[in-house]
PDB file of N, CA and C in Angstrom:
ATOM      1  N   MET A   1      49.952  47.389 -14.325  1.00  0.00           N
ATOM      2  CA  MET A   1      49.696  47.861 -15.666  1.00  0.00           C
ATOM      3  C   MET A   1      48.600  48.923 -15.632  1.00  0.00           C
ATOM      4  N   ARG A   2      48.805  49.980 -16.396  1.00  0.00           N
ATOM      5  CA  ARG A   2      47.839  51.067 -16.445  1.00  0.00           C
ATOM      6  C   ARG A   2      46.679  50.700 -17.343  1.00  0.00           C
ATOM      7  N   LYS A   3      45.496  51.072 -16.906  1.00  0.00           N
ATOM      8  CA  LYS A   3      44.312  50.867 -17.731  1.00  0.00           C
ATOM      9  C   LYS A   3      44.100  52.135 -18.547  1.00  0.00           C
ATOM     10  N   ARG A   4      44.268  52.021 -19.868  1.00  0.00           N
ATOM     11  CA  ARG A   4      44.128  53.164 -20.762  1.00  0.00           C
ATOM     12  C   ARG A   4      42.851  53.021 -21.581  1.00  0.00           C
ATOM     13  N   ILE A   5      42.069  54.101 -21.599  1.00  0.00           N
ATOM     14  CA  ILE A   5      40.852  54.114 -22.406  1.00  0.00           C
ATOM     15  C   ILE A   5      40.714  55.488 -23.050  1.00  0.00           C
ATOM     16  N   ASN A   6      39.920  55.550 -24.106  1.00  0.00           N
ATOM     17  CA  ASN A   6      39.597  56.832 -24.716  1.00  0.00           C
ATOM     18  C   ASN A   6      38.499  57.469 -23.867  1.00  0.00           C
ATOM     19  N   PHE A   7      38.807  58.609 -23.260  1.00  0.00           N
ATOM     20  CA  PHE A   7      37.833  59.255 -22.386  1.00  0.00           C
ATOM     21  C   PHE A   7      36.680  59.831 -23.198  1.00  0.00           C
ATOM     22  N   THR A   8      35.503  59.380 -22.885  1.00  0.00           N
ATOM     23  CA  THR A   8      34.270  60.002 -23.342  1.00  0.00           C
ATOM     24  C   THR A   8      33.348  60.017 -22.127  1.00  0.00           C
ATOM     25  N   LYS A   9      32.351  60.855 -22.171  1.00  0.00           N
ATOM     26  CA  LYS A   9      31.436  60.928 -21.033  1.00  0.00           C
ATOM     27  C   LYS A   9      30.787  59.573 -20.794  1.00  0.00           C
ATOM     28  N   ALA A  10      30.382  58.907 -21.863  1.00  0.00           N
ATOM     29  CA  ALA A  10      29.704  57.610 -21.731  1.00  0.00           C
ATOM     30  C   ALA A  10      30.613  56.547 -21.119  1.00  0.00           C
ATOM     31  N   THR A  11      31.871  56.487 -21.574  1.00  0.00           N
ATOM     32  CA  THR A  11      32.767  55.456 -21.030  1.00  0.00           C
ATOM     33  C   THR A  11      33.101  55.720 -19.567  1.00  0.00           C
ATOM     34  N   LEU A  12      33.288  56.980 -19.205  1.00  0.00           N
ATOM     35  CA  LEU A  12      33.611  57.287 -17.814  1.00  0.00           C
ATOM     36  C   LEU A  12      32.421  57.044 -16.891  1.00  0.00           C
ATOM     37  N   LEU A  13      31.225  57.380 -17.362  1.00  0.00           N
ATOM     38  CA  LEU A  13      30.038  57.134 -16.539  1.00  0.00           C
ATOM     39  C   LEU A  13      29.749  55.642 -16.381  1.00  0.00           C
ATOM     40  N   SER A  14      30.178  54.844 -17.347  1.00  0.00           N
ATOM     41  CA  SER A  14      29.913  53.401 -17.277  1.00  0.00           C
ATOM     42  C   SER A  14      30.877  52.660 -16.356  1.00  0.00           C
ATOM     43  N   LEU A  15      31.964  53.313 -15.954  1.00  0.00           N
ATOM     44  CA  LEU A  15      32.930  52.651 -15.073  1.00  0.00           C
ATOM     45  C   LEU A  15      32.342  52.468 -13.675  1.00  0.00           C
ATOM     46  N   LYS A  16      32.490  51.295 -13.148  1.00  0.00           N
ATOM     47  CA  LYS A  16      31.979  50.967 -11.817  1.00  0.00           C
ATOM     48  C   LYS A  16      33.000  51.393 -10.759  1.00  0.00           C
ATOM     49  N   PRO A  17      32.527  51.912  -9.638  1.00  0.00           N
ATOM     50  CA  PRO A  17      33.461  52.279  -8.571  1.00  0.00           C
ATOM     51  C   PRO A  17      34.079  51.036  -7.942  1.00  0.00           C
ATOM     52  N   PRO A  18      35.302  51.163  -7.436  1.00  0.00           N
ATOM     53  CA  PRO A  18      35.939  50.033  -6.761  1.00  0.00           C
ATOM     54  C   PRO A  18      35.330  49.817  -5.372  1.00  0.00           C
ATOM     55  N   ALA A  19      35.865  48.861  -4.669  1.00  0.00           N
ATOM     56  CA  ALA A  19      35.397  48.579  -3.306  1.00  0.00           C
ATOM     57  C   ALA A  19      35.637  49.802  -2.422  1.00  0.00           C
ATOM     58  N   PRO A  20      34.812  49.983  -1.382  1.00  0.00           N
ATOM     59  CA  PRO A  20      35.009  51.121  -0.476  1.00  0.00           C
ATOM     60  C   PRO A  20      36.432  51.138   0.085  1.00  0.00           C
ATOM     61  N   GLY A  21      37.007  52.314   0.116  1.00  0.00           N
ATOM     62  CA  GLY A  21      38.370  52.468   0.605  1.00  0.00           C
ATOM     63  C   GLY A  21      39.427  52.287  -0.471  1.00  0.00           C
ATOM     64  N   LYS A  22      39.044  51.879  -1.648  1.00  0.00           N
ATOM     65  CA  LYS A  22      39.976  51.695  -2.764  1.00  0.00           C
ATOM     66  C   LYS A  22      39.776  52.815  -3.776  1.00  0.00           C
ATOM     67  N   ARG A  23      40.689  52.889  -4.748  1.00  0.00           N
ATOM     68  CA  ARG A  23      40.602  53.904  -5.790  1.00  0.00           C
ATOM     69  C   ARG A  23      40.990  53.260  -7.117  1.00  0.00           C
ATOM     70  N   LEU A  24      40.218  53.549  -8.141  1.00  0.00           N
ATOM     71  CA  LEU A  24      40.502  53.076  -9.488  1.00  0.00           C
ATOM     72  C   LEU A  24      41.036  54.256 -10.292  1.00  0.00           C
ATOM     73  N   VAL A  25      42.139  54.035 -11.013  1.00  0.00           N
ATOM     74  CA  VAL A  25      42.721  55.090 -11.840  1.00  0.00           C
ATOM     75  C   VAL A  25      42.746  54.600 -13.280  1.00  0.00           C
ATOM     76  N   VAL A  26      42.152  55.376 -14.176  1.00  0.00           N
ATOM     77  CA  VAL A  26      42.207  55.082 -15.604  1.00  0.00           C
ATOM     78  C   VAL A  26      42.868  56.262 -16.307  1.00  0.00           C
ATOM     79  N   TRP A  27      43.616  55.961 -17.355  1.00  0.00           N
ATOM     80  CA  TRP A  27      44.404  56.959 -18.073  1.00  0.00           C
ATOM     81  C   TRP A  27      43.796  57.206 -19.445  1.00  0.00           C
ATOM     82  N   ASP A  28      43.883  58.446 -19.903  1.00  0.00           N
ATOM     83  CA  ASP A  28      43.385  58.816 -21.229  1.00  0.00           C
ATOM     84  C   ASP A  28      44.396  58.419 -22.299  1.00  0.00           C
ATOM     85  N   THR A  29      43.898  58.005 -23.453  1.00  0.00           N
ATOM     86  CA  THR A  29      44.780  57.621 -24.545  1.00  0.00           C
ATOM     87  C   THR A  29      45.220  58.815 -25.385  1.00  0.00           C
ATOM     88  N   LYS A  30      44.555  59.971 -25.237  1.00  0.00           N
ATOM     89  CA  LYS A  30      44.851  61.116 -26.100  1.00  0.00           C
ATOM     90  C   LYS A  30      45.787  62.144 -25.488  1.00  0.00           C
ATOM     91  N   VAL A  31      45.697  62.376 -24.178  1.00  0.00           N
ATOM     92  CA  VAL A  31      46.520  63.404 -23.532  1.00  0.00           C
ATOM     93  C   VAL A  31      47.425  62.739 -22.502  1.00  0.00           C
ATOM     94  N   GLN A  32      48.718  62.965 -22.653  1.00  0.00           N
ATOM     95  CA  GLN A  32      49.692  62.360 -21.763  1.00  0.00           C
ATOM     96  C   GLN A  32      49.487  62.829 -20.322  1.00  0.00           C
ATOM     97  N   GLY A  33      49.381  61.871 -19.415  1.00  0.00           N
ATOM     98  CA  GLY A  33      49.274  62.176 -17.997  1.00  0.00           C
ATOM     99  C   GLY A  33      47.865  62.410 -17.479  1.00  0.00           C
ATOM    100  N   LEU A  34      46.888  62.556 -18.362  1.00  0.00           N
ATOM    101  CA  LEU A  34      45.518  62.806 -17.912  1.00  0.00           C
ATOM    102  C   LEU A  34      44.921  61.513 -17.373  1.00  0.00           C
ATOM    103  N   GLN A  35      44.383  61.589 -16.185  1.00  0.00           N
ATOM    104  CA  GLN A  35      43.780  60.422 -15.566  1.00  0.00           C
ATOM    105  C   GLN A  35      42.442  60.793 -14.947  1.00  0.00           C
ATOM    106  N   CYS A  36      41.614  59.771 -14.793  1.00  0.00           N
ATOM    107  CA  CYS A  36      40.358  59.918 -14.074  1.00  0.00           C
ATOM    108  C   CYS A  36      40.457  58.994 -12.875  1.00  0.00           C
ATOM    109  N   ARG A  37      40.355  59.559 -11.697  1.00  0.00           N
ATOM    110  CA  ARG A  37      40.452  58.787 -10.464  1.00  0.00           C
ATOM    111  C   ARG A  37      39.041  58.589  -9.924  1.00  0.00           C
ATOM    112  N   ILE A  38      38.697  57.330  -9.677  1.00  0.00           N
ATOM    113  CA  ILE A  38      37.355  56.990  -9.218  1.00  0.00           C
ATOM    114  C   ILE A  38      37.453  56.464  -7.796  1.00  0.00           C
ATOM    115  N   SER A  39      36.792  57.140  -6.870  1.00  0.00           N
ATOM    116  CA  SER A  39      36.844  56.742  -5.466  1.00  0.00           C
ATOM    117  C   SER A  39      35.870  55.597  -5.203  1.00  0.00           C
ATOM    118  N   GLY A  40      35.968  55.030  -4.029  1.00  0.00           N
ATOM    119  CA  GLY A  40      35.069  53.957  -3.631  1.00  0.00           C
ATOM    120  C   GLY A  40      33.619  54.397  -3.536  1.00  0.00           C
ATOM    121  N   LYS A  41      33.402  55.697  -3.388  1.00  0.00           N
ATOM    122  CA  LYS A  41      32.035  56.235  -3.330  1.00  0.00           C
ATOM    123  C   LYS A  41      31.507  56.612  -4.704  1.00  0.00           C
ATOM    124  N   GLY A  42      32.343  56.437  -5.737  1.00  0.00           N
ATOM    125  CA  GLY A  42      31.908  56.706  -7.097  1.00  0.00           C
ATOM    126  C   GLY A  42      32.212  58.094  -7.617  1.00  0.00           C
ATOM    127  N   VAL A  43      32.951  58.910  -6.868  1.00  0.00           N
ATOM    128  CA  VAL A  43      33.310  60.249  -7.310  1.00  0.00           C
ATOM    129  C   VAL A  43      34.416  60.132  -8.355  1.00  0.00           C
ATOM    130  N   LYS A  44      34.208  60.772  -9.512  1.00  0.00           N
ATOM    131  CA  LYS A  44      35.151  60.693 -10.629  1.00  0.00           C
ATOM    132  C   LYS A  44      35.820  62.054 -10.809  1.00  0.00           C
ATOM    133  N   THR A  45      37.140  62.074 -10.631  1.00  0.00           N
ATOM    134  CA  THR A  45      37.891  63.315 -10.638  1.00  0.00           C
ATOM    135  C   THR A  45      38.991  63.256 -11.680  1.00  0.00           C
ATOM    136  N   PHE A  46      39.098  64.325 -12.493  1.00  0.00           N
ATOM    137  CA  PHE A  46      40.179  64.431 -13.463  1.00  0.00           C
ATOM    138  C   PHE A  46      41.421  64.980 -12.780  1.00  0.00           C
ATOM    139  N   SER A  47      42.571  64.402 -13.109  1.00  0.00           N
ATOM    140  CA  SER A  47      43.835  64.948 -12.626  1.00  0.00           C
ATOM    141  C   SER A  47      44.916  64.683 -13.661  1.00  0.00           C
ATOM    142  N   LEU A  48      46.003  65.407 -13.517  1.00  0.00           N
ATOM    143  CA  LEU A  48      47.154  65.228 -14.385  1.00  0.00           C
ATOM    144  C   LEU A  48      48.298  64.729 -13.513  1.00  0.00           C
ATOM    145  N   TYR A  49      48.922  63.643 -13.928  1.00  0.00           N
ATOM    146  CA  TYR A  49      50.053  63.082 -13.182  1.00  0.00           C
ATOM    147  C   TYR A  49      51.245  63.051 -14.109  1.00  0.00           C
ATOM    148  N   ARG A  50      52.293  63.769 -13.734  1.00  0.00           N
ATOM    149  CA  ARG A  50      53.516  63.830 -14.530  1.00  0.00           C
ATOM    150  C   ARG A  50      54.717  63.876 -13.617  1.00  0.00           C
ATOM    151  N   ARG A  51      55.858  63.691 -14.210  1.00  0.00           N
ATOM    152  CA  ARG A  51      57.115  63.881 -13.496  1.00  0.00           C
ATOM    153  C   ARG A  51      57.743  65.179 -13.991  1.00  0.00           C
ATOM    154  N   LEU A  52      58.263  65.951 -13.052  1.00  0.00           N
ATOM    155  CA  LEU A  52      58.940  67.187 -13.406  1.00  0.00           C
ATOM    156  C   LEU A  52      60.327  66.868 -13.946  1.00  0.00           C
ATOM    157  N   LYS A  53      61.032  67.890 -14.403  1.00  0.00           N
ATOM    158  CA  LYS A  53      62.373  67.691 -14.959  1.00  0.00           C
ATOM    159  C   LYS A  53      63.332  67.084 -13.943  1.00  0.00           C
ATOM    160  N   ASN A  54      63.116  67.374 -12.652  1.00  0.00           N
ATOM    161  CA  ASN A  54      63.993  66.830 -11.619  1.00  0.00           C
ATOM    162  C   ASN A  54      63.611  65.407 -11.216  1.00  0.00           C
ATOM    163  N   GLY A  55      62.582  64.853 -11.851  1.00  0.00           N
ATOM    164  CA  GLY A  55      62.174  63.481 -11.576  1.00  0.00           C
ATOM    165  C   GLY A  55      61.100  63.330 -10.522  1.00  0.00           C
ATOM    166  N   ARG A  56      60.755  64.412  -9.857  1.00  0.00           N
ATOM    167  CA  ARG A  56      59.729  64.332  -8.822  1.00  0.00           C
ATOM    168  C   ARG A  56      58.344  64.293  -9.453  1.00  0.00           C
ATOM    169  N   PRO A  57      57.469  63.426  -8.941  1.00  0.00           N
ATOM    170  CA  PRO A  57      56.117  63.355  -9.500  1.00  0.00           C
ATOM    171  C   PRO A  57      55.251  64.515  -9.002  1.00  0.00           C
ATOM    172  N   VAL A  58      54.302  64.908  -9.834  1.00  0.00           N
ATOM    173  CA  VAL A  58      53.356  65.944  -9.456  1.00  0.00           C
ATOM    174  C   VAL A  58      51.970  65.530  -9.954  1.00  0.00           C
ATOM    175  N   ARG A  59      50.978  65.714  -9.119  1.00  0.00           N
ATOM    176  CA  ARG A  59      49.589  65.454  -9.508  1.00  0.00           C
ATOM    177  C   ARG A  59      48.813  66.747  -9.296  1.00  0.00           C
ATOM    178  N   VAL A  60      48.141  67.178 -10.348  1.00  0.00           N
ATOM    179  CA  VAL A  60      47.341  68.392 -10.279  1.00  0.00           C
ATOM    180  C   VAL A  60      45.891  67.996 -10.516  1.00  0.00           C
ATOM    181  N   THR A  61      45.042  68.256  -9.540  1.00  0.00           N
ATOM    182  CA  THR A  61      43.620  67.959  -9.680  1.00  0.00           C
ATOM    183  C   THR A  61      42.976  69.038 -10.546  1.00  0.00           C
ATOM    184  N   LEU A  62      42.259  68.604 -11.573  1.00  0.00           N
ATOM    185  CA  LEU A  62      41.655  69.536 -12.521  1.00  0.00           C
ATOM    186  C   LEU A  62      40.191  69.814 -12.205  1.00  0.00           C
ATOM    187  N   GLY A  63      39.449  68.802 -11.815  1.00  0.00           N
ATOM    188  CA  GLY A  63      38.036  68.990 -11.501  1.00  0.00           C
ATOM    189  C   GLY A  63      37.284  67.681 -11.581  1.00  0.00           C
ATOM    190  N   LYS A  64      36.027  67.722 -11.189  1.00  0.00           N
ATOM    191  CA  LYS A  64      35.195  66.513 -11.175  1.00  0.00           C
ATOM    192  C   LYS A  64      34.421  66.376 -12.471  1.00  0.00           C
ATOM    193  N   LEU A  65      34.202  65.125 -12.854  1.00  0.00           N
ATOM    194  CA  LEU A  65      33.343  64.836 -13.997  1.00  0.00           C
ATOM    195  C   LEU A  65      31.941  65.316 -13.647  1.00  0.00           C
ATOM    196  N   GLY A  66      31.374  66.092 -14.511  1.00  0.00           N
ATOM    197  CA  GLY A  66      30.075  66.724 -14.245  1.00  0.00           C
ATOM    198  C   GLY A  66      30.266  68.219 -14.063  1.00  0.00           C
ATOM    199  N   ASP A  67      31.332  68.597 -13.341  1.00  0.00           N
ATOM    200  CA  ASP A  67      31.674  70.017 -13.228  1.00  0.00           C
ATOM    201  C   ASP A  67      32.417  70.477 -14.469  1.00  0.00           C
ATOM    202  N   MET A  68      33.109  69.537 -15.110  1.00  0.00           N
ATOM    203  CA  MET A  68      33.829  69.836 -16.340  1.00  0.00           C
ATOM    204  C   MET A  68      33.665  68.671 -17.301  1.00  0.00           C
ATOM    205  N   THR A  69      33.748  68.971 -18.577  1.00  0.00           N
ATOM    206  CA  THR A  69      33.616  67.933 -19.588  1.00  0.00           C
ATOM    207  C   THR A  69      34.970  67.296 -19.861  1.00  0.00           C
ATOM    208  N   VAL A  70      34.966  66.223 -20.613  1.00  0.00           N
ATOM    209  CA  VAL A  70      36.213  65.558 -20.995  1.00  0.00           C
ATOM    210  C   VAL A  70      37.069  66.515 -21.823  1.00  0.00           C
ATOM    211  N   GLU A  71      36.457  67.264 -22.723  1.00  0.00           N
ATOM    212  CA  GLU A  71      37.193  68.208 -23.568  1.00  0.00           C
ATOM    213  C   GLU A  71      37.841  69.303 -22.735  1.00  0.00           C
ATOM    214  N   GLN A  72      37.130  69.784 -21.729  1.00  0.00           N
ATOM    215  CA  GLN A  72      37.694  70.813 -20.855  1.00  0.00           C
ATOM    216  C   GLN A  72      38.851  70.250 -20.037  1.00  0.00           C
ATOM    217  N   ALA A  73      38.724  69.024 -19.569  1.00  0.00           N
ATOM    218  CA  ALA A  73      39.808  68.396 -18.813  1.00  0.00           C
ATOM    219  C   ALA A  73      41.034  68.212 -19.698  1.00  0.00           C
ATOM    220  N   ARG A  74      40.823  67.823 -20.948  1.00  0.00           N
ATOM    221  CA  ARG A  74      41.947  67.673 -21.877  1.00  0.00           C
ATOM    222  C   ARG A  74      42.625  69.009 -22.144  1.00  0.00           C
ATOM    223  N   ALA A  75      41.844  70.075 -22.275  1.00  0.00           N
ATOM    224  CA  ALA A  75      42.414  71.404 -22.503  1.00  0.00           C
ATOM    225  C   ALA A  75      43.241  71.845 -21.299  1.00  0.00           C
ATOM    226  N   GLN A  76      42.713  71.635 -20.087  1.00  0.00           N
ATOM    227  CA  GLN A  76      43.452  71.981 -18.877  1.00  0.00           C
ATOM    228  C   GLN A  76      44.748  71.176 -18.781  1.00  0.00           C
ATOM    229  N   ALA A  77      44.660  69.884 -19.057  1.00  0.00           N
ATOM    230  CA  ALA A  77      45.835  69.014 -18.975  1.00  0.00           C
ATOM    231  C   ALA A  77      46.894  69.442 -19.987  1.00  0.00           C
ATOM    232  N   THR A  78      46.465  69.864 -21.151  1.00  0.00           N
ATOM    233  CA  THR A  78      47.407  70.325 -22.173  1.00  0.00           C
ATOM    234  C   THR A  78      48.138  71.576 -21.711  1.00  0.00           C
ATOM    235  N   LEU A  79      47.431  72.494 -21.057  1.00  0.00           N
ATOM    236  CA  LEU A  79      48.070  73.704 -20.522  1.00  0.00           C
ATOM    237  C   LEU A  79      49.135  73.358 -19.484  1.00  0.00           C
ATOM    238  N   VAL A  80      48.794  72.468 -18.570  1.00  0.00           N
ATOM    239  CA  VAL A  80      49.742  72.094 -17.519  1.00  0.00           C
ATOM    240  C   VAL A  80      50.909  71.312 -18.116  1.00  0.00           C
ATOM    241  N   ASN A  81      50.646  70.433 -19.075  1.00  0.00           N
ATOM    242  CA  ASN A  81      51.718  69.695 -19.742  1.00  0.00           C
ATOM    243  C   ASN A  81      52.696  70.640 -20.421  1.00  0.00           C
ATOM    244  N   ALA A  82      52.182  71.694 -21.058  1.00  0.00           N
ATOM    245  CA  ALA A  82      53.041  72.667 -21.725  1.00  0.00           C
ATOM    246  C   ALA A  82      53.932  73.387 -20.722  1.00  0.00           C
ATOM    247  N   ALA A  83      53.378  73.737 -19.578  1.00  0.00           N
ATOM    248  CA  ALA A  83      54.166  74.419 -18.546  1.00  0.00           C
ATOM    249  C   ALA A  83      55.247  73.492 -17.990  1.00  0.00           C
ATOM    250  N   ILE A  84      54.906  72.225 -17.801  1.00  0.00           N
ATOM    251  CA  ILE A  84      55.885  71.269 -17.289  1.00  0.00           C
ATOM    252  C   ILE A  84      56.989  71.054 -18.316  1.00  0.00           C
ATOM    253  N   ALA A  85      56.644  71.021 -19.585  1.00  0.00           N
ATOM    254  CA  ALA A  85      57.632  70.815 -20.650  1.00  0.00           C
ATOM    255  C   ALA A  85      58.638  71.961 -20.699  1.00  0.00           C
ATOM    256  N   LYS A  86      58.215  73.170 -20.317  1.00  0.00           N
ATOM    257  CA  LYS A  86      59.137  74.311 -20.291  1.00  0.00           C
ATOM    258  C   LYS A  86      60.163  74.180 -19.176  1.00  0.00           C
ATOM    259  N   GLY A  87      59.863  73.337 -18.186  1.00  0.00           N
ATOM    260  CA  GLY A  87      60.818  73.090 -17.112  1.00  0.00           C
ATOM    261  C   GLY A  87      60.823  74.131 -16.026  1.00  0.00           C
ATOM    262  N   LYS A  88      59.908  75.082 -16.055  1.00  0.00           N
ATOM    263  CA  LYS A  88      59.883  76.148 -15.062  1.00  0.00           C
ATOM    264  C   LYS A  88      58.755  75.951 -14.065  1.00  0.00           C
ATOM    265  N   THR A  89      58.190  74.772 -14.041  1.00  0.00           N
ATOM    266  CA  THR A  89      56.984  74.556 -13.266  1.00  0.00           C
ATOM    267  C   THR A  89      57.246  73.736 -12.015  1.00  0.00           C
ATOM    268  N   ARG A  90      56.670  74.196 -10.948  1.00  0.00           N
ATOM    269  CA  ARG A  90      56.548  73.412  -9.722  1.00  0.00           C
ATOM    270  C   ARG A  90      55.073  73.153  -9.528  1.00  0.00           C
ATOM    271  N   ARG A  91      54.735  72.387  -8.513  1.00  0.00           N
ATOM    272  CA  ARG A  91      53.323  72.069  -8.278  1.00  0.00           C
ATOM    273  C   ARG A  91      52.490  73.326  -8.081  1.00  0.00           C
ATOM    274  N   LYS A  92      52.977  74.271  -7.276  1.00  0.00           N
ATOM    275  CA  LYS A  92      52.207  75.492  -7.033  1.00  0.00           C
ATOM    276  C   LYS A  92      51.967  76.248  -8.330  1.00  0.00           C
ATOM    277  N   ARG A  93      52.958  76.275  -9.197  1.00  0.00           N
ATOM    278  CA  ARG A  93      52.811  76.975 -10.477  1.00  0.00           C
ATOM    279  C   ARG A  93      51.793  76.256 -11.367  1.00  0.00           C
ATOM    280  N   ALA A  94      51.818  74.942 -11.360  1.00  0.00           N
ATOM    281  CA  ALA A  94      50.867  74.172 -12.163  1.00  0.00           C
ATOM    282  C   ALA A  94      49.440  74.429 -11.694  1.00  0.00           C
ATOM    283  N   VAL A  95      49.236  74.466 -10.396  1.00  0.00           N
ATOM    284  CA  VAL A  95      47.905  74.752  -9.855  1.00  0.00           C
ATOM    285  C   VAL A  95      47.501  76.172 -10.222  1.00  0.00           C
ATOM    286  N   HIS A  96      48.453  77.096 -10.196  1.00  0.00           N
ATOM    287  CA  HIS A  96      48.188  78.484 -10.574  1.00  0.00           C
ATOM    288  C   HIS A  96      47.740  78.568 -12.039  1.00  0.00           C
ATOM    289  N   ILE A  97      48.357  77.785 -12.912  1.00  0.00           N
ATOM    290  CA  ILE A  97      47.976  77.769 -14.328  1.00  0.00           C
ATOM    291  C   ILE A  97      46.530  77.317 -14.464  1.00  0.00           C
ATOM    292  N   VAL A  98      46.167  76.287 -13.739  1.00  0.00           N
ATOM    293  CA  VAL A  98      44.796  75.778 -13.804  1.00  0.00           C
ATOM    294  C   VAL A  98      43.813  76.821 -13.291  1.00  0.00           C
ATOM    295  N   LYS A  99      44.129  77.472 -12.180  1.00  0.00           N
ATOM    296  CA  LYS A  99      43.207  78.445 -11.595  1.00  0.00           C
ATOM    297  C   LYS A  99      43.042  79.682 -12.468  1.00  0.00           C
ATOM    298  N   ARG A 100      44.065  80.034 -13.238  1.00  0.00           N
ATOM    299  CA  ARG A 100      43.991  81.238 -14.065  1.00  0.00           C
ATOM    300  C   ARG A 100      43.407  80.977 -15.438  1.00  0.00           C
ATOM    301  N   SER A 101      43.116  79.748 -15.757  1.00  0.00           N
ATOM    302  CA  SER A 101      42.621  79.435 -17.099  1.00  0.00           C
ATOM    303  C   SER A 101      41.224  80.029 -17.299  1.00  0.00           C
ATOM    304  N   PRO A 102      40.859  80.313 -18.542  1.00  0.00           N
ATOM    305  CA  PRO A 102      39.532  80.885 -18.822  1.00  0.00           C
ATOM    306  C   PRO A 102      38.398  79.985 -18.351  1.00  0.00           C
ATOM    307  N   LEU A 103      38.575  78.684 -18.409  1.00  0.00           N
ATOM    308  CA  LEU A 103      37.523  77.766 -17.981  1.00  0.00           C
ATOM    309  C   LEU A 103      37.201  77.969 -16.511  1.00  0.00           C
ATOM    310  N   VAL A 104      38.226  77.994 -15.672  1.00  0.00           N
ATOM    311  CA  VAL A 104      38.002  78.139 -14.236  1.00  0.00           C
ATOM    312  C   VAL A 104      37.463  79.523 -13.923  1.00  0.00           C
ATOM    313  N   LYS A 105      37.964  80.545 -14.609  1.00  0.00           N
ATOM    314  CA  LYS A 105      37.455  81.898 -14.384  1.00  0.00           C
ATOM    315  C   LYS A 105      35.977  81.987 -14.717  1.00  0.00           C
ATOM    316  N   SER A 106      35.577  81.408 -15.859  1.00  0.00           N
ATOM    317  CA  SER A 106      34.168  81.497 -16.246  1.00  0.00           C
ATOM    318  C   SER A 106      33.289  80.694 -15.292  1.00  0.00           C
ATOM    319  N   THR A 107      33.770  79.544 -14.839  1.00  0.00           N
ATOM    320  CA  THR A 107      33.001  78.738 -13.892  1.00  0.00           C
ATOM    321  C   THR A 107      32.846  79.478 -12.577  1.00  0.00           C
ATOM    322  N   THR A 108      33.925  80.100 -12.100  1.00  0.00           N
ATOM    323  CA  THR A 108      33.873  80.855 -10.850  1.00  0.00           C
ATOM    324  C   THR A 108      32.937  82.046 -10.988  1.00  0.00           C
ATOM    325  N   THR A 109      33.013  82.746 -12.113  1.00  0.00           N
ATOM    326  CA  THR A 109      32.143  83.896 -12.334  1.00  0.00           C
ATOM    327  C   THR A 109      30.681  83.458 -12.361  1.00  0.00           C
ATOM    328  N   THR A 110      30.405  82.357 -13.045  1.00  0.00           N
ATOM    329  CA  THR A 110      29.041  81.845 -13.109  1.00  0.00           C
ATOM    330  C   THR A 110      28.536  81.501 -11.716  1.00  0.00           C
ATOM    331  N   TRP A 111      29.360  80.831 -10.920  1.00  0.00           N
ATOM    332  CA  TRP A 111      28.978  80.452  -9.569  1.00  0.00           C
ATOM    333  C   TRP A 111      28.695  81.687  -8.719  1.00  0.00           C
ATOM    334  N   LYS A 112      29.555  82.692  -8.796  1.00  0.00           N
ATOM    335  CA  LYS A 112      29.352  83.908  -8.006  1.00  0.00           C
ATOM    336  C   LYS A 112      28.076  84.621  -8.449  1.00  0.00           C
ATOM    337  N   THR A 113      27.801  84.644  -9.743  1.00  0.00           N
ATOM    338  CA  THR A 113      26.587  85.274 -10.249  1.00  0.00           C
ATOM    339  C   THR A 113      25.348  84.531  -9.758  1.00  0.00           C
ATOM    340  N   MET A 114      25.386  83.200  -9.860  1.00  0.00           N
ATOM    341  CA  MET A 114      24.249  82.398  -9.409  1.00  0.00           C
ATOM    342  C   MET A 114      24.020  82.575  -7.911  1.00  0.00           C
ATOM    343  N   ARG A 115      25.098  82.581  -7.146  1.00  0.00           N
ATOM    344  CA  ARG A 115      24.992  82.672  -5.709  1.00  0.00           C
ATOM    345  C   ARG A 115      24.433  84.030  -5.263  1.00  0.00           C
ATOM    346  N   SER A 116      24.729  85.080  -6.041  1.00  0.00           N
ATOM    347  CA  SER A 116      24.257  86.409  -5.674  1.00  0.00           C
ATOM    348  C   SER A 116      22.783  86.653  -6.026  1.00  0.00           C
ATOM    349  N   GLN A 117      22.207  85.768  -6.840  1.00  0.00           N
ATOM    350  CA  GLN A 117      20.814  85.953  -7.230  1.00  0.00           C
ATOM    351  C   GLN A 117      19.892  85.653  -6.042  1.00  0.00           C
ATOM    352  N   LYS A 118      18.822  86.421  -5.973  1.00  0.00           N
ATOM    353  CA  LYS A 118      17.858  86.245  -4.886  1.00  0.00           C
ATOM    354  C   LYS A 118      17.202  84.866  -5.001  1.00  0.00           C
ATOM    355  N   GLY A 119      17.131  84.177  -3.900  1.00  0.00           N
ATOM    356  CA  GLY A 119      16.464  82.883  -3.860  1.00  0.00           C
ATOM    357  C   GLY A 119      17.371  81.711  -4.147  1.00  0.00           C
ATOM    358  N   PHE A 120      18.639  81.949  -4.498  1.00  0.00           N
ATOM    359  CA  PHE A 120      19.544  80.838  -4.794  1.00  0.00           C
ATOM    360  C   PHE A 120      19.882  80.090  -3.511  1.00  0.00           C
ATOM    361  N   MET A 121      19.721  78.795  -3.538  1.00  0.00           N
ATOM    362  CA  MET A 121      20.042  77.908  -2.413  1.00  0.00           C
ATOM    363  C   MET A 121      19.175  78.158  -1.188  1.00  0.00           C
ATOM    364  N   GLU A 122      18.019  78.744  -1.368  1.00  0.00           N
ATOM    365  CA  GLU A 122      17.102  78.922  -0.235  1.00  0.00           C
ATOM    366  C   GLU A 122      16.164  77.744  -0.170  1.00  0.00           C
ATOM    367  N   LYS A 123      15.705  77.425   1.012  1.00  0.00           N
ATOM    368  CA  LYS A 123      14.776  76.300   1.187  1.00  0.00           C
ATOM    369  C   LYS A 123      13.363  76.722   0.901  1.00  0.00           C
TER     370      LYS A 123
END
């Protein structure tokens, strides 16, 4: 049975990691297919799990909690869900949709800007 909860930052942060070597998966109640996968080390990652029109399952990793908010993960999942609903999507195309989204572009631009600044990541 799937564990479904309303994703909020507080509820996701309160979830305890499973035993080492195991993975806990919780599903969002608002966006179809959106899940948060929690590793044994406590890393919480958003992903979308759906079946394509041909019946094959696809999982697209969206990002880690902390790098993206719940609202951003829901927006990304909605974009990928829309592409899958059109029936023209394969896994590579779904990943391409995520990478081309404004959220990922702005995050990448911010990272490149920060990295280019003098003194960034210096000891």
